[in-house]
């Protein structure tokens, strides 16, 4: 808790007036326009509690996996390969998170939510294009979390299956 105390206590002071104190405690990445850029996409992890959605607002795109997204924050990265796997790392957000990946035209690429697993993956990215990740919660929950990204996902998809001839 932070306490701010402001006064103008001086006897016979001529320094009197009004002022405005504005405190903004929303995260800097509360909107897609202010998404945090993730520059590492190959086997990178931020650490368990590197980010949070504390005091975030609900904005922008609603993922297809859950219509009541709340308190989301944004991240962005530029595709270095056609694939990405993103894993949410959290001690407490697992019970209520929603995570979705969008392209720069706001088209959903992939999404997941609390009862579908803590990772999402796609092999449909276009190298050089920007992608946006929204991490939020249902029930307006707040939590700290980390992210892991890996753009070296080999044969995680049927289309990338390795043919085993016997």
Foldseek 3Di string as FASTA:
>chain_A
DDDDDDDDDDPPDPPDDDDDDDDDPFDQQLDQVRAAEDEDFAFDKDDFFPFKLVPRADDDDADPVDRAWGSKGKHKYADQALKKKKFKHYPPQLQWKKKWKAFPVRHTQWIDTNVRHGMDMDSHHDGGGMMMMMMTTHPNDMGGIMMTMHRPPQQPDPVRDDDDDD
